[in-house]
Amino acid sequence: MPFDPKDPRHLVIALGLSALGGAMVVQSHHEEAAKSQAERDDPGGCAWLCDLIWNLLDNWEPEDCDSEDEYTDSLVDFLRVSLDDVEAPNDGRRIRVAKRVRTEVGIPDVRIDDRLVLELKVGPHEGEKDRLIGQCCKYSVEWVTWAVVIDMDEDKREELIELLGRKSLHYIEVIPFDDADEDDYEDDEFDDDEN
């Protein structure tokens, strides 16, 4: 059937396709605009580093610490040891892990190879959660940014993720750690040994 501009069905289809194409361009622009400067400068290097750190975080087992500072020290020590023999694929240099170094946009808890920032919060109350969002939002302009939340109630964590999504900050990963689950598991093992 040839296109007839007087046929209202064809006009609706043409407008729909035009709107869909426009929406895809806008979405692509938003996704590009949401990328950090580090991702724009070296997309492959950032992806490689993020995969590496994501896998390493699976192996981090923080001991019960008394403060956010102690958890940060534990994580930094773990990452430095884990990355000791790892070299960047492009240039063979070692991966640097910096703790609380002042930058133009603030003082992130952990900065890895000037590409990835980890911001830690332990059982954050509402004010700390708001502060976490603000910090991550600022850091995400320069670096890929992840929020590491320790002992945060699952419902509150879901609320945080939902809020980030509603504000188009879905690219900020929220990575939970819960010492209570590990302690419960260890207590269960101990109980089984007694029987």
Protein backbone atom coordinates (compact mmCIF):
# COMPACT_ATOMS: atom_id res chain seq x y z
CA MET A 1 0.00 0.00 0.00
CA PRO A 2 1.62 3.31 -1.03
CA PHE A 3 2.04 6.07 1.56
CA ASP A 4 -0.85 8.53 1.35
CA PRO A 5 -0.34 11.60 3.59
CA LYS A 6 -4.11 12.16 3.57
CA ASP A 7 -4.75 8.75 5.14
CA PRO A 8 -4.88 9.35 8.93
CA ARG A 9 -3.54 5.84 9.68
CA HIS A 10 -0.36 6.58 7.77
CA LEU A 11 0.02 9.90 9.53
CA VAL A 12 -0.36 8.25 12.96
CA ILE A 13 2.19 5.56 12.02
CA ALA A 14 4.62 8.19 10.67
CA LEU A 15 4.25 10.32 13.80
CA GLY A 16 4.66 7.26 16.02
CA LEU A 17 7.83 6.15 14.24
CA SER A 18 9.16 9.70 14.35
CA ALA A 19 8.46 9.95 18.10
CA LEU A 20 10.05 6.53 18.72
CA GLY A 21 13.15 7.55 16.77
CA GLY A 22 13.29 10.84 18.66
CA ALA A 23 12.92 9.05 22.00
CA MET A 24 15.78 6.71 21.09
CA VAL A 25 18.01 9.68 20.23
CA VAL A 26 17.08 11.43 23.50
CA GLN A 27 17.67 8.22 25.51
CA SER A 28 21.03 7.69 23.81
CA HIS A 29 21.96 11.30 24.56
CA HIS A 30 20.94 10.89 28.23
CA GLU A 31 22.95 7.67 28.55
CA GLU A 32 25.98 9.38 27.01
CA ALA A 33 25.48 12.44 29.24
CA ALA A 34 25.27 10.18 32.31
CA LYS A 35 28.71 8.72 31.66
CA SER A 36 31.55 9.90 33.83
CA GLN A 37 34.51 11.71 32.34
CA ALA A 38 36.60 8.59 32.98
CA GLU A 39 34.17 6.49 30.91
CA ARG A 40 34.23 8.99 28.07
CA ASP A 41 38.04 9.16 28.12
CA ASP A 42 38.63 5.39 28.29
CA PRO A 43 35.45 3.29 27.97
CA GLY A 44 37.31 -0.01 27.57
CA GLY A 45 39.64 0.64 30.50
CA CYS A 46 36.74 1.61 32.76
CA ALA A 47 34.76 -1.49 31.79
CA TRP A 48 37.79 -3.72 32.45
CA LEU A 49 38.45 -2.10 35.84
CA CYS A 50 34.78 -2.26 36.90
CA ASP A 51 34.58 -5.96 36.03
CA LEU A 52 37.78 -6.60 37.97
CA ILE A 53 36.68 -4.71 41.09
CA TRP A 54 33.13 -6.15 40.95
CA ASN A 55 34.60 -9.66 41.06
CA LEU A 56 37.01 -8.75 43.85
CA LEU A 57 34.21 -7.30 45.98
CA ASP A 58 32.58 -10.74 45.93
CA ASN A 59 35.61 -11.95 47.92
CA TRP A 60 35.83 -9.11 50.43
CA GLU A 61 34.79 -10.35 53.85
CA PRO A 62 35.07 -7.41 56.20
CA GLU A 63 35.53 -8.26 59.82
CA ASP A 64 33.14 -6.65 62.24
CA CYS A 65 34.41 -3.09 62.42
CA ASP A 66 33.36 -0.32 64.76
CA SER A 67 33.21 2.51 62.26
CA GLU A 68 33.03 3.52 58.61
CA ASP A 69 36.72 4.44 58.82
CA GLU A 70 37.66 0.90 59.87
CA TYR A 71 35.56 -0.61 57.07
CA THR A 72 37.21 1.75 54.60
CA ASP A 73 40.67 0.76 55.87
CA SER A 74 39.72 -2.91 55.56
CA LEU A 75 38.46 -2.47 52.00
CA VAL A 76 41.48 -0.42 50.89
CA ASP A 77 43.90 -2.98 52.38
CA PHE A 78 42.00 -5.82 50.69
CA LEU A 79 42.02 -4.10 47.31
CA ARG A 80 45.69 -3.16 47.51
CA VAL A 81 46.69 -6.74 48.30
CA SER A 82 44.35 -8.16 45.65
CA LEU A 83 45.61 -5.76 42.97
CA ASP A 84 49.29 -6.02 43.87
CA ASP A 85 50.22 -8.09 40.79
CA VAL A 86 47.51 -6.77 38.46
CA GLU A 87 48.51 -4.54 35.56
CA ALA A 88 46.28 -2.39 33.38
CA PRO A 89 45.85 -4.06 29.97
CA ASN A 90 46.65 -0.94 27.90
CA ASP A 91 49.92 0.15 29.45
CA GLY A 92 51.03 -2.45 31.99
CA ARG A 93 51.02 -0.07 34.96
CA ARG A 94 49.86 -1.12 38.43
CA ILE A 95 46.35 -0.22 39.59
CA ARG A 96 46.39 2.51 42.24
CA VAL A 97 44.02 2.49 45.21
CA ALA A 98 43.74 5.80 47.07
CA LYS A 99 41.94 6.40 50.34
CA ARG A 100 40.22 9.72 51.08
CA VAL A 101 42.29 11.95 48.83
CA ARG A 102 40.93 15.47 48.39
CA THR A 103 39.70 16.23 44.87
CA GLU A 104 37.95 19.20 43.27
CA VAL A 105 34.56 17.55 43.87
CA GLY A 106 35.09 16.20 47.38
CA ILE A 107 36.86 13.44 49.27
CA PRO A 108 35.69 10.02 48.07
CA ASP A 109 36.29 7.13 50.46
CA VAL A 110 38.12 4.98 47.88
CA ARG A 111 39.35 6.00 44.43
CA ILE A 112 40.67 3.25 42.18
CA ASP A 113 42.98 4.10 39.30
CA ASP A 114 41.31 7.52 38.88
CA ARG A 115 38.39 5.75 37.18
CA LEU A 116 36.21 4.23 39.91
CA VAL A 117 35.02 5.62 43.25
CA LEU A 118 33.56 3.60 46.12
CA GLU A 119 31.64 5.56 48.73
CA LEU A 120 30.99 3.57 51.93
CA LYS A 121 28.22 4.02 54.45
CA VAL A 122 27.52 1.82 57.48
CA GLY A 123 23.85 1.39 58.46
CA PRO A 124 23.07 4.84 57.13
CA HIS A 125 20.19 6.76 58.68
CA GLU A 126 18.08 9.07 56.50
CA GLY A 127 20.48 12.02 56.68
CA GLU A 128 23.48 9.83 55.81
CA LYS A 129 21.52 8.26 52.95
CA ASP A 130 20.80 11.73 51.56
CA ARG A 131 24.47 12.64 51.95
CA LEU A 132 25.47 9.42 50.16
CA ILE A 133 23.25 10.31 47.19
CA GLY A 134 24.73 13.80 47.00
CA GLN A 135 28.30 12.53 47.22
CA CYS A 136 27.73 9.83 44.59
CA CYS A 137 26.02 12.30 42.29
CA LYS A 138 29.01 14.68 42.47
CA TYR A 139 31.62 11.95 42.08
CA SER A 140 29.81 10.34 39.15
CA VAL A 141 30.60 13.35 36.97
CA GLU A 142 34.31 12.43 37.08
CA TRP A 143 34.39 8.69 37.86
CA VAL A 144 32.27 5.56 37.73
CA THR A 145 30.70 5.63 41.19
CA TRP A 146 29.42 2.85 43.42
CA ALA A 147 27.77 3.11 46.84
CA VAL A 148 28.90 0.38 49.22
CA VAL A 149 26.32 0.07 52.01
CA ILE A 150 27.07 -2.05 55.04
CA ASP A 151 24.34 -3.29 57.40
CA MET A 152 21.60 -1.38 55.59
CA ASP A 153 18.11 -2.79 55.99
CA GLU A 154 16.95 -4.43 52.74
CA ASP A 155 13.81 -2.27 52.52
CA LYS A 156 15.84 0.91 52.93
CA ARG A 157 18.34 -0.33 50.35
CA GLU A 158 15.49 -0.95 47.87
CA GLU A 159 14.15 2.56 48.59
CA LEU A 160 17.62 3.96 47.87
CA ILE A 161 17.86 2.07 44.57
CA GLU A 162 14.35 3.17 43.59
CA LEU A 163 15.13 6.80 44.42
CA LEU A 164 18.33 6.68 42.35
CA GLY A 165 16.31 5.28 39.44
CA ARG A 166 13.60 7.92 39.71
CA LYS A 167 16.24 10.63 39.63
CA SER A 168 17.93 9.01 36.58
CA LEU A 169 20.92 8.07 38.72
CA HIS A 170 20.47 4.35 37.99
CA TYR A 171 24.10 4.18 36.84
CA ILE A 172 25.22 4.50 40.49
CA GLU A 173 25.52 0.90 41.68
CA VAL A 174 24.47 0.07 45.24
CA ILE A 175 26.52 -2.83 46.62
CA PRO A 176 25.27 -4.28 49.92
CA PHE A 177 27.30 -6.01 52.61
CA ASP A 178 25.66 -7.37 55.73
CA ASP A 179 27.78 -8.70 58.57
CA ALA A 180 24.69 -10.03 60.36
CA ASP A 181 24.15 -12.69 57.65
CA GLU A 182 27.73 -13.93 58.00
CA ASP A 183 27.45 -13.95 61.81
CA ASP A 184 24.16 -15.89 61.62
CA TYR A 185 25.76 -18.43 59.30
CA GLU A 186 28.74 -18.85 61.63
CA ASP A 187 26.39 -19.25 64.62
CA ASP A 188 24.44 -21.95 62.72
CA GLU A 189 27.66 -23.81 61.98
CA PHE A 190 28.65 -23.61 65.64
CA ASP A 191 25.24 -24.92 66.73
CA ASP A 192 25.56 -27.86 64.31
CA ASP A 193 28.97 -28.75 65.76
CA GLU A 194 27.51 -28.99 69.26
CA ASN A 195 24.86 -31.53 68.22
